[in-house]
Amino acid sequence: MPIGAATMSPVMEKMNAYPKYLFDQILPVLGHRVWEIGIGYGSYTRMLLQREKQILATDVDSECIATLQISLGQSFQIQWLHVNFCDHSSVSQAAVFGADSVICF
């Protein structure tokens, strides 16, 4: 069963309008400490950075995390974490972040 990058369409990496539309829908109720579940290509991660949010960027696919870390570089705004919801300990690590909002598109 495919997970992570194996489920992602390469077309999504180039999309701008649809992710922006979705982000704009949640922005009015979005807190400051955001746990992003499933960072994929990083569309929402970039939008969160532009809004100066503190981000816990997570994915089940370590390759997605590594690729986005290289693309975005170092930032005090982002914490990176491999999370597998079948593994209680990885979810517990995410809880330490203290998110006031969670997004998963």
PDB file of N, CA and C in Angstrom:
ATOM      1  N   MET A   1       0.844  -1.176   0.000  1.00  0.00           N
ATOM      2  CA  MET A   1       0.000   0.000   0.000  1.00  0.00           C
ATOM      3  C   MET A   1       0.892   1.243   0.000  1.00  0.00           C
ATOM      4  N   PRO A   2       0.746   2.121  -0.977  1.00  0.00           N
ATOM      5  CA  PRO A   2       1.609   3.307  -1.065  1.00  0.00           C
ATOM      6  C   PRO A   2       1.294   4.321   0.041  1.00  0.00           C
ATOM      7  N   ILE A   3       2.350   4.975   0.512  1.00  0.00           N
ATOM      8  CA  ILE A   3       2.209   6.059   1.483  1.00  0.00           C
ATOM      9  C   ILE A   3       3.130   7.195   1.085  1.00  0.00           C
ATOM     10  N   GLY A   4       2.932   8.346   1.684  1.00  0.00           N
ATOM     11  CA  GLY A   4       3.823   9.480   1.483  1.00  0.00           C
ATOM     12  C   GLY A   4       3.942   9.907   0.036  1.00  0.00           C
ATOM     13  N   ALA A   5       5.181  10.106  -0.406  1.00  0.00           N
ATOM     14  CA  ALA A   5       5.445  10.613  -1.755  1.00  0.00           C
ATOM     15  C   ALA A   5       4.845   9.729  -2.841  1.00  0.00           C
ATOM     16  N   ALA A   6       4.703   8.442  -2.567  1.00  0.00           N
ATOM     17  CA  ALA A   6       4.133   7.526  -3.563  1.00  0.00           C
ATOM     18  C   ALA A   6       2.672   7.834  -3.864  1.00  0.00           C
ATOM     19  N   THR A   7       2.011   8.599  -3.016  1.00  0.00           N
ATOM     20  CA  THR A   7       0.603   8.944  -3.220  1.00  0.00           C
ATOM     21  C   THR A   7       0.420  10.343  -3.815  1.00  0.00           C
ATOM     22  N   MET A   8       1.518  11.061  -3.987  1.00  0.00           N
ATOM     23  CA  MET A   8       1.426  12.456  -4.409  1.00  0.00           C
ATOM     24  C   MET A   8       1.494  12.601  -5.921  1.00  0.00           C
ATOM     25  N   SER A   9       0.619  13.430  -6.460  1.00  0.00           N
ATOM     26  CA  SER A   9       0.643  13.734  -7.884  1.00  0.00           C
ATOM     27  C   SER A   9       1.668  14.842  -8.131  1.00  0.00           C
ATOM     28  N   PRO A  10       2.531  14.694  -9.130  1.00  0.00           N
ATOM     29  CA  PRO A  10       3.503  15.747  -9.424  1.00  0.00           C
ATOM     30  C   PRO A  10       2.840  17.062  -9.841  1.00  0.00           C
ATOM     31  N   VAL A  11       1.607  16.995 -10.282  1.00  0.00           N
ATOM     32  CA  VAL A  11       0.868  18.205 -10.670  1.00  0.00           C
ATOM     33  C   VAL A  11       0.640  19.104  -9.464  1.00  0.00           C
ATOM     34  N   MET A  12       0.451  18.502  -8.293  1.00  0.00           N
ATOM     35  CA  MET A  12       0.174  19.289  -7.083  1.00  0.00           C
ATOM     36  C   MET A  12       1.329  20.227  -6.720  1.00  0.00           C
ATOM     37  N   GLU A  13       2.541  19.837  -7.067  1.00  0.00           N
ATOM     38  CA  GLU A  13       3.698  20.673  -6.742  1.00  0.00           C
ATOM     39  C   GLU A  13       3.633  22.020  -7.457  1.00  0.00           C
ATOM     40  N   LYS A  14       3.003  22.041  -8.619  1.00  0.00           N
ATOM     41  CA  LYS A  14       2.946  23.257  -9.428  1.00  0.00           C
ATOM     42  C   LYS A  14       1.672  24.067  -9.208  1.00  0.00           C
ATOM     43  N   MET A  15       0.739  23.514  -8.460  1.00  0.00           N
ATOM     44  CA  MET A  15      -0.534  24.209  -8.224  1.00  0.00           C
ATOM     45  C   MET A  15      -0.334  25.350  -7.237  1.00  0.00           C
ATOM     46  N   ASN A  16      -0.978  26.469  -7.515  1.00  0.00           N
ATOM     47  CA  ASN A  16      -0.906  27.620  -6.613  1.00  0.00           C
ATOM     48  C   ASN A  16      -2.283  28.087  -6.173  1.00  0.00           C
ATOM     49  N   ALA A  17      -3.192  28.233  -7.116  1.00  0.00           N
ATOM     50  CA  ALA A  17      -4.491  28.839  -6.820  1.00  0.00           C
ATOM     51  C   ALA A  17      -5.318  28.004  -5.842  1.00  0.00           C
ATOM     52  N   TYR A  18      -5.389  26.712  -6.050  1.00  0.00           N
ATOM     53  CA  TYR A  18      -6.218  25.870  -5.186  1.00  0.00           C
ATOM     54  C   TYR A  18      -5.685  25.801  -3.752  1.00  0.00           C
ATOM     55  N   PRO A  19      -4.390  25.532  -3.553  1.00  0.00           N
ATOM     56  CA  PRO A  19      -3.888  25.557  -2.176  1.00  0.00           C
ATOM     57  C   PRO A  19      -4.078  26.926  -1.512  1.00  0.00           C
ATOM     58  N   LYS A  20      -3.884  28.003  -2.267  1.00  0.00           N
ATOM     59  CA  LYS A  20      -4.079  29.343  -1.700  1.00  0.00           C
ATOM     60  C   LYS A  20      -5.543  29.543  -1.314  1.00  0.00           C
ATOM     61  N   TYR A  21      -6.453  29.087  -2.148  1.00  0.00           N
ATOM     62  CA  TYR A  21      -7.875  29.187  -1.836  1.00  0.00           C
ATOM     63  C   TYR A  21      -8.187  28.452  -0.527  1.00  0.00           C
ATOM     64  N   LEU A  22      -7.716  27.211  -0.397  1.00  0.00           N
ATOM     65  CA  LEU A  22      -7.966  26.445   0.826  1.00  0.00           C
ATOM     66  C   LEU A  22      -7.353  27.127   2.042  1.00  0.00           C
ATOM     67  N   PHE A  23      -6.120  27.605   1.890  1.00  0.00           N
ATOM     68  CA  PHE A  23      -5.443  28.274   2.998  1.00  0.00           C
ATOM     69  C   PHE A  23      -6.200  29.522   3.436  1.00  0.00           C
ATOM     70  N   ASP A  24      -6.665  30.290   2.470  1.00  0.00           N
ATOM     71  CA  ASP A  24      -7.421  31.512   2.796  1.00  0.00           C
ATOM     72  C   ASP A  24      -8.710  31.202   3.560  1.00  0.00           C
ATOM     73  N   GLN A  25      -9.274  30.018   3.348  1.00  0.00           N
ATOM     74  CA  GLN A  25     -10.500  29.631   4.045  1.00  0.00           C
ATOM     75  C   GLN A  25     -10.247  29.401   5.537  1.00  0.00           C
ATOM     76  N   ILE A  26      -9.079  28.886   5.886  1.00  0.00           N
ATOM     77  CA  ILE A  26      -8.792  28.581   7.288  1.00  0.00           C
ATOM     78  C   ILE A  26      -8.028  29.691   8.005  1.00  0.00           C
ATOM     79  N   LEU A  27      -7.433  30.582   7.262  1.00  0.00           N
ATOM     80  CA  LEU A  27      -6.580  31.620   7.846  1.00  0.00           C
ATOM     81  C   LEU A  27      -7.246  32.417   8.964  1.00  0.00           C
ATOM     82  N   PRO A  28      -8.513  32.813   8.839  1.00  0.00           N
ATOM     83  CA  PRO A  28      -9.121  33.612   9.915  1.00  0.00           C
ATOM     84  C   PRO A  28      -9.192  32.902  11.271  1.00  0.00           C
ATOM     85  N   VAL A  29      -9.165  31.583  11.290  1.00  0.00           N
ATOM     86  CA  VAL A  29      -9.277  30.857  12.565  1.00  0.00           C
ATOM     87  C   VAL A  29      -7.980  30.126  12.933  1.00  0.00           C
ATOM     88  N   LEU A  30      -6.943  30.344  12.166  1.00  0.00           N
ATOM     89  CA  LEU A  30      -5.676  29.668  12.386  1.00  0.00           C
ATOM     90  C   LEU A  30      -4.925  30.321  13.535  1.00  0.00           C
ATOM     91  N   GLY A  31      -4.434  29.490  14.451  1.00  0.00           N
ATOM     92  CA  GLY A  31      -3.648  29.996  15.574  1.00  0.00           C
ATOM     93  C   GLY A  31      -2.216  30.292  15.162  1.00  0.00           C
ATOM     94  N   HIS A  32      -1.358  30.465  16.166  1.00  0.00           N
ATOM     95  CA  HIS A  32       0.038  30.818  15.911  1.00  0.00           C
ATOM     96  C   HIS A  32       0.943  29.583  15.831  1.00  0.00           C
ATOM     97  N   ARG A  33       0.621  28.530  16.576  1.00  0.00           N
ATOM     98  CA  ARG A  33       1.436  27.307  16.611  1.00  0.00           C
ATOM     99  C   ARG A  33       0.688  26.217  15.844  1.00  0.00           C
ATOM    100  N   VAL A  34       1.137  25.964  14.624  1.00  0.00           N
ATOM    101  CA  VAL A  34       0.389  25.109  13.700  1.00  0.00           C
ATOM    102  C   VAL A  34       1.114  23.795  13.455  1.00  0.00           C
ATOM    103  N   TRP A  35       0.405  22.709  13.699  1.00  0.00           N
ATOM    104  CA  TRP A  35       0.905  21.364  13.363  1.00  0.00           C
ATOM    105  C   TRP A  35       0.364  21.040  11.986  1.00  0.00           C
ATOM    106  N   GLU A  36       1.261  20.928  11.017  1.00  0.00           N
ATOM    107  CA  GLU A  36       0.867  20.565   9.654  1.00  0.00           C
ATOM    108  C   GLU A  36       1.120  19.079   9.462  1.00  0.00           C
ATOM    109  N   ILE A  37       0.058  18.338   9.240  1.00  0.00           N
ATOM    110  CA  ILE A  37       0.151  16.893   9.043  1.00  0.00           C
ATOM    111  C   ILE A  37       0.167  16.617   7.543  1.00  0.00           C
ATOM    112  N   GLY A  38       1.242  16.003   7.083  1.00  0.00           N
ATOM    113  CA  GLY A  38       1.370  15.686   5.659  1.00  0.00           C
ATOM    114  C   GLY A  38       1.863  16.870   4.857  1.00  0.00           C
ATOM    115  N   ILE A  39       3.142  17.219   4.995  1.00  0.00           N
ATOM    116  CA  ILE A  39       3.670  18.426   4.343  1.00  0.00           C
ATOM    117  C   ILE A  39       3.807  18.286   2.835  1.00  0.00           C
ATOM    118  N   GLY A  40       3.941  17.062   2.355  1.00  0.00           N
ATOM    119  CA  GLY A  40       4.012  16.859   0.904  1.00  0.00           C
ATOM    120  C   GLY A  40       5.053  17.728   0.237  1.00  0.00           C
ATOM    121  N   TYR A  41       4.618  18.535  -0.731  1.00  0.00           N
ATOM    122  CA  TYR A  41       5.520  19.418  -1.461  1.00  0.00           C
ATOM    123  C   TYR A  41       5.792  20.728  -0.735  1.00  0.00           C
ATOM    124  N   GLY A  42       5.082  20.998   0.348  1.00  0.00           N
ATOM    125  CA  GLY A  42       5.363  22.184   1.150  1.00  0.00           C
ATOM    126  C   GLY A  42       4.568  23.428   0.803  1.00  0.00           C
ATOM    127  N   SER A  43       3.501  23.299   0.035  1.00  0.00           N
ATOM    128  CA  SER A  43       2.708  24.475  -0.344  1.00  0.00           C
ATOM    129  C   SER A  43       2.206  25.230   0.888  1.00  0.00           C
ATOM    130  N   TYR A  44       1.619  24.494   1.823  1.00  0.00           N
ATOM    131  CA  TYR A  44       1.048  25.136   3.009  1.00  0.00           C
ATOM    132  C   TYR A  44       2.141  25.549   3.983  1.00  0.00           C
ATOM    133  N   THR A  45       3.225  24.791   4.028  1.00  0.00           N
ATOM    134  CA  THR A  45       4.353  25.154   4.886  1.00  0.00           C
ATOM    135  C   THR A  45       4.875  26.526   4.493  1.00  0.00           C
ATOM    136  N   ARG A  46       5.002  26.763   3.203  1.00  0.00           N
ATOM    137  CA  ARG A  46       5.483  28.066   2.725  1.00  0.00           C
ATOM    138  C   ARG A  46       4.508  29.185   3.088  1.00  0.00           C
ATOM    139  N   MET A  47       3.217  28.920   2.951  1.00  0.00           N
ATOM    140  CA  MET A  47       2.224  29.941   3.301  1.00  0.00           C
ATOM    141  C   MET A  47       2.247  30.235   4.799  1.00  0.00           C
ATOM    142  N   LEU A  48       2.435  29.208   5.601  1.00  0.00           N
ATOM    143  CA  LEU A  48       2.534  29.400   7.052  1.00  0.00           C
ATOM    144  C   LEU A  48       3.762  30.223   7.401  1.00  0.00           C
ATOM    145  N   LEU A  49       4.871  29.957   6.734  1.00  0.00           N
ATOM    146  CA  LEU A  49       6.087  30.744   6.963  1.00  0.00           C
ATOM    147  C   LEU A  49       5.864  32.214   6.633  1.00  0.00           C
ATOM    148  N   GLN A  50       5.179  32.487   5.514  1.00  0.00           N
ATOM    149  CA  GLN A  50       4.908  33.868   5.118  1.00  0.00           C
ATOM    150  C   GLN A  50       4.052  34.593   6.151  1.00  0.00           C
ATOM    151  N   ARG A  51       3.229  33.838   6.867  1.00  0.00           N
ATOM    152  CA  ARG A  51       2.360  34.412   7.909  1.00  0.00           C
ATOM    153  C   ARG A  51       3.025  34.397   9.287  1.00  0.00           C
ATOM    154  N   GLU A  52       4.314  34.044   9.309  1.00  0.00           N
ATOM    155  CA  GLU A  52       5.122  34.037  10.529  1.00  0.00           C
ATOM    156  C   GLU A  52       4.545  33.136  11.624  1.00  0.00           C
ATOM    157  N   LYS A  53       4.045  31.984  11.221  1.00  0.00           N
ATOM    158  CA  LYS A  53       3.535  30.990  12.169  1.00  0.00           C
ATOM    159  C   LYS A  53       4.686  30.116  12.657  1.00  0.00           C
ATOM    160  N   GLN A  54       4.543  29.566  13.843  1.00  0.00           N
ATOM    161  CA  GLN A  54       5.430  28.524  14.337  1.00  0.00           C
ATOM    162  C   GLN A  54       4.858  27.212  13.811  1.00  0.00           C
ATOM    163  N   ILE A  55       5.687  26.385  13.200  1.00  0.00           N
ATOM    164  CA  ILE A  55       5.183  25.225  12.465  1.00  0.00           C
ATOM    165  C   ILE A  55       5.838  23.935  12.961  1.00  0.00           C
ATOM    166  N   LEU A  56       5.006  22.942  13.184  1.00  0.00           N
ATOM    167  CA  LEU A  56       5.488  21.573  13.340  1.00  0.00           C
ATOM    168  C   LEU A  56       5.159  20.888  12.023  1.00  0.00           C
ATOM    169  N   ALA A  57       6.165  20.733  11.186  1.00  0.00           N
ATOM    170  CA  ALA A  57       5.990  20.160   9.848  1.00  0.00           C
ATOM    171  C   ALA A  57       6.221  18.657   9.930  1.00  0.00           C
ATOM    172  N   THR A  58       5.171  17.877   9.667  1.00  0.00           N
ATOM    173  CA  THR A  58       5.274  16.429   9.818  1.00  0.00           C
ATOM    174  C   THR A  58       4.813  15.701   8.562  1.00  0.00           C
ATOM    175  N   ASP A  59       5.357  14.500   8.420  1.00  0.00           N
ATOM    176  CA  ASP A  59       4.932  13.642   7.324  1.00  0.00           C
ATOM    177  C   ASP A  59       5.286  12.206   7.696  1.00  0.00           C
ATOM    178  N   VAL A  60       4.597  11.269   7.103  1.00  0.00           N
ATOM    179  CA  VAL A  60       4.910   9.854   7.287  1.00  0.00           C
ATOM    180  C   VAL A  60       6.104   9.452   6.434  1.00  0.00           C
ATOM    181  N   ASP A  61       6.420  10.266   5.441  1.00  0.00           N
ATOM    182  CA  ASP A  61       7.502   9.984   4.499  1.00  0.00           C
ATOM    183  C   ASP A  61       8.711  10.864   4.830  1.00  0.00           C
ATOM    184  N   SER A  62       9.761  10.248   5.313  1.00  0.00           N
ATOM    185  CA  SER A  62      10.976  10.987   5.682  1.00  0.00           C
ATOM    186  C   SER A  62      11.592  11.713   4.490  1.00  0.00           C
ATOM    187  N   GLU A  63      11.398  11.172   3.286  1.00  0.00           N
ATOM    188  CA  GLU A  63      11.935  11.819   2.083  1.00  0.00           C
ATOM    189  C   GLU A  63      11.256  13.168   1.839  1.00  0.00           C
ATOM    190  N   CYS A  64       9.966  13.249   2.077  1.00  0.00           N
ATOM    191  CA  CYS A  64       9.261  14.532   1.927  1.00  0.00           C
ATOM    192  C   CYS A  64       9.847  15.568   2.885  1.00  0.00           C
ATOM    193  N   ILE A  65      10.097  15.144   4.113  1.00  0.00           N
ATOM    194  CA  ILE A  65      10.667  16.055   5.112  1.00  0.00           C
ATOM    195  C   ILE A  65      12.056  16.509   4.677  1.00  0.00           C
ATOM    196  N   ALA A  66      12.908  15.572   4.291  1.00  0.00           N
ATOM    197  CA  ALA A  66      14.282  15.904   3.901  1.00  0.00           C
ATOM    198  C   ALA A  66      14.311  16.848   2.705  1.00  0.00           C
ATOM    199  N   THR A  67      13.474  16.590   1.725  1.00  0.00           N
ATOM    200  CA  THR A  67      13.426  17.434   0.522  1.00  0.00           C
ATOM    201  C   THR A  67      13.007  18.852   0.865  1.00  0.00           C
ATOM    202  N   LEU A  68      11.996  18.985   1.715  1.00  0.00           N
ATOM    203  CA  LEU A  68      11.512  20.316   2.080  1.00  0.00           C
ATOM    204  C   LEU A  68      12.503  21.044   2.986  1.00  0.00           C
ATOM    205  N   GLN A  69      13.188  20.318   3.850  1.00  0.00           N
ATOM    206  CA  GLN A  69      14.225  20.932   4.684  1.00  0.00           C
ATOM    207  C   GLN A  69      15.303  21.567   3.810  1.00  0.00           C
ATOM    208  N   ILE A  70      15.709  20.863   2.770  1.00  0.00           N
ATOM    209  CA  ILE A  70      16.718  21.394   1.857  1.00  0.00           C
ATOM    210  C   ILE A  70      16.171  22.605   1.111  1.00  0.00           C
ATOM    211  N   SER A  71      14.942  22.498   0.641  1.00  0.00           N
ATOM    212  CA  SER A  71      14.319  23.570  -0.135  1.00  0.00           C
ATOM    213  C   SER A  71      14.141  24.851   0.680  1.00  0.00           C
ATOM    214  N   LEU A  72      13.699  24.711   1.920  1.00  0.00           N
ATOM    215  CA  LEU A  72      13.398  25.888   2.748  1.00  0.00           C
ATOM    216  C   LEU A  72      14.575  26.365   3.582  1.00  0.00           C
ATOM    217  N   GLY A  73      15.561  25.520   3.776  1.00  0.00           N
ATOM    218  CA  GLY A  73      16.707  25.903   4.599  1.00  0.00           C
ATOM    219  C   GLY A  73      16.337  25.921   6.075  1.00  0.00           C
ATOM    220  N   GLN A  74      17.231  26.444   6.875  1.00  0.00           N
ATOM    221  CA  GLN A  74      17.017  26.504   8.322  1.00  0.00           C
ATOM    222  C   GLN A  74      16.104  27.681   8.674  1.00  0.00           C
ATOM    223  N   SER A  75      15.200  27.431   9.599  1.00  0.00           N
ATOM    224  CA  SER A  75      14.315  28.487  10.081  1.00  0.00           C
ATOM    225  C   SER A  75      13.933  28.182  11.522  1.00  0.00           C
ATOM    226  N   PHE A  76      13.984  29.197  12.359  1.00  0.00           N
ATOM    227  CA  PHE A  76      13.572  29.018  13.754  1.00  0.00           C
ATOM    228  C   PHE A  76      12.065  28.779  13.850  1.00  0.00           C
ATOM    229  N   GLN A  77      11.338  29.033  12.782  1.00  0.00           N
ATOM    230  CA  GLN A  77       9.887  28.881  12.780  1.00  0.00           C
ATOM    231  C   GLN A  77       9.425  27.438  12.594  1.00  0.00           C
ATOM    232  N   ILE A  78      10.323  26.563  12.123  1.00  0.00           N
ATOM    233  CA  ILE A  78       9.893  25.211  11.770  1.00  0.00           C
ATOM    234  C   ILE A  78      10.598  24.163  12.627  1.00  0.00           C
ATOM    235  N   GLN A  79       9.793  23.231  13.120  1.00  0.00           N
ATOM    236  CA  GLN A  79      10.313  21.999  13.712  1.00  0.00           C
ATOM    237  C   GLN A  79       9.863  20.867  12.785  1.00  0.00           C
ATOM    238  N   TRP A  80      10.739  19.931  12.543  1.00  0.00           N
ATOM    239  CA  TRP A  80      10.473  18.824  11.626  1.00  0.00           C
ATOM    240  C   TRP A  80      10.317  17.537  12.411  1.00  0.00           C
ATOM    241  N   LEU A  81       9.349  16.711  11.997  1.00  0.00           N
ATOM    242  CA  LEU A  81       9.145  15.451  12.703  1.00  0.00           C
ATOM    243  C   LEU A  81       8.508  14.420  11.787  1.00  0.00           C
ATOM    244  N   HIS A  82       9.104  13.232  11.770  1.00  0.00           N
ATOM    245  CA  HIS A  82       8.504  12.101  11.071  1.00  0.00           C
ATOM    246  C   HIS A  82       7.416  11.553  11.987  1.00  0.00           C
ATOM    247  N   VAL A  83       6.175  11.531  11.510  1.00  0.00           N
ATOM    248  CA  VAL A  83       5.058  11.035  12.310  1.00  0.00           C
ATOM    249  C   VAL A  83       4.322   9.946  11.547  1.00  0.00           C
ATOM    250  N   ASN A  84       4.145   8.832  12.228  1.00  0.00           N
ATOM    251  CA  ASN A  84       3.347   7.732  11.711  1.00  0.00           C
ATOM    252  C   ASN A  84       2.233   7.502  12.723  1.00  0.00           C
ATOM    253  N   PHE A  85       1.011   7.701  12.337  1.00  0.00           N
ATOM    254  CA  PHE A  85      -0.107   7.607  13.275  1.00  0.00           C
ATOM    255  C   PHE A  85      -0.360   6.187  13.784  1.00  0.00           C
ATOM    256  N   CYS A  86       0.343   5.219  13.224  1.00  0.00           N
ATOM    257  CA  CYS A  86       0.281   3.851  13.752  1.00  0.00           C
ATOM    258  C   CYS A  86       1.310   3.653  14.867  1.00  0.00           C
ATOM    259  N   ASP A  87       2.149   4.646  15.087  1.00  0.00           N
ATOM    260  CA  ASP A  87       3.194   4.595  16.105  1.00  0.00           C
ATOM    261  C   ASP A  87       2.910   5.648  17.175  1.00  0.00           C
ATOM    262  N   HIS A  88       2.402   5.203  18.287  1.00  0.00           N
ATOM    263  CA  HIS A  88       1.991   6.114  19.371  1.00  0.00           C
ATOM    264  C   HIS A  88       3.120   7.036  19.821  1.00  0.00           C
ATOM    265  N   SER A  89       4.346   6.543  19.844  1.00  0.00           N
ATOM    266  CA  SER A  89       5.451   7.368  20.333  1.00  0.00           C
ATOM    267  C   SER A  89       5.714   8.568  19.423  1.00  0.00           C
ATOM    268  N   SER A  90       5.558   8.413  18.117  1.00  0.00           N
ATOM    269  CA  SER A  90       5.788   9.553  17.226  1.00  0.00           C
ATOM    270  C   SER A  90       4.687  10.596  17.386  1.00  0.00           C
ATOM    271  N   VAL A  91       3.471  10.158  17.636  1.00  0.00           N
ATOM    272  CA  VAL A  91       2.372  11.096  17.872  1.00  0.00           C
ATOM    273  C   VAL A  91       2.592  11.818  19.206  1.00  0.00           C
ATOM    274  N   SER A  92       3.080  11.106  20.201  1.00  0.00           N
ATOM    275  CA  SER A  92       3.378  11.714  21.501  1.00  0.00           C
ATOM    276  C   SER A  92       4.436  12.802  21.368  1.00  0.00           C
ATOM    277  N   GLN A  93       5.422  12.580  20.513  1.00  0.00           N
ATOM    278  CA  GLN A  93       6.453  13.598  20.278  1.00  0.00           C
ATOM    279  C   GLN A  93       5.845  14.859  19.679  1.00  0.00           C
ATOM    280  N   ALA A  94       4.879  14.686  18.812  1.00  0.00           N
ATOM    281  CA  ALA A  94       4.216  15.841  18.193  1.00  0.00           C
ATOM    282  C   ALA A  94       3.425  16.638  19.223  1.00  0.00           C
ATOM    283  N   ALA A  95       2.856  15.955  20.202  1.00  0.00           N
ATOM    284  CA  ALA A  95       2.055  16.634  21.224  1.00  0.00           C
ATOM    285  C   ALA A  95       2.887  17.620  22.032  1.00  0.00           C
ATOM    286  N   VAL A  96       4.162  17.358  22.174  1.00  0.00           N
ATOM    287  CA  VAL A  96       5.057  18.238  22.933  1.00  0.00           C
ATOM    288  C   VAL A  96       5.115  19.636  22.318  1.00  0.00           C
ATOM    289  N   PHE A  97       4.895  19.734  21.026  1.00  0.00           N
ATOM    290  CA  PHE A  97       4.926  21.025  20.321  1.00  0.00           C
ATOM    291  C   PHE A  97       3.890  22.002  20.880  1.00  0.00           C
ATOM    292  N   GLY A  98       2.762  21.499  21.345  1.00  0.00           N
ATOM    293  CA  GLY A  98       1.728  22.371  21.902  1.00  0.00           C
ATOM    294  C   GLY A  98       0.986  23.191  20.858  1.00  0.00           C
ATOM    295  N   ALA A  99       0.585  22.535  19.791  1.00  0.00           N
ATOM    296  CA  ALA A  99      -0.122  23.236  18.707  1.00  0.00           C
ATOM    297  C   ALA A  99      -1.447  23.806  19.176  1.00  0.00           C
ATOM    298  N   ASP A 100      -1.790  24.981  18.661  1.00  0.00           N
ATOM    299  CA  ASP A 100      -3.124  25.526  18.893  1.00  0.00           C
ATOM    300  C   ASP A 100      -4.007  25.359  17.658  1.00  0.00           C
ATOM    301  N   SER A 101      -3.389  24.875  16.575  1.00  0.00           N
ATOM    302  CA  SER A 101      -4.127  24.571  15.345  1.00  0.00           C
ATOM    303  C   SER A 101      -3.455  23.378  14.669  1.00  0.00           C
ATOM    304  N   VAL A 102      -4.274  22.615  13.971  1.00  0.00           N
ATOM    305  CA  VAL A 102      -3.776  21.469  13.210  1.00  0.00           C
ATOM    306  C   VAL A 102      -4.379  21.559  11.819  1.00  0.00           C
ATOM    307  N   ILE A 103      -3.530  21.417  10.803  1.00  0.00           N
ATOM    308  CA  ILE A 103      -4.045  21.377   9.429  1.00  0.00           C
ATOM    309  C   ILE A 103      -3.592  20.096   8.753  1.00  0.00           C
ATOM    310  N   CYS A 104      -4.466  19.579   7.923  1.00  0.00           N
ATOM    311  CA  CYS A 104      -4.178  18.380   7.153  1.00  0.00           C
ATOM    312  C   CYS A 104      -5.064  18.419   5.916  1.00  0.00           C
ATOM    313  N   PHE A 105      -4.462  18.738   4.780  1.00  0.00           N
ATOM    314  CA  PHE A 105      -5.248  18.813   3.547  1.00  0.00           C
ATOM    315  C   PHE A 105      -5.005  17.579   2.720  1.00  0.00           C
TER     316      PHE A 105
END
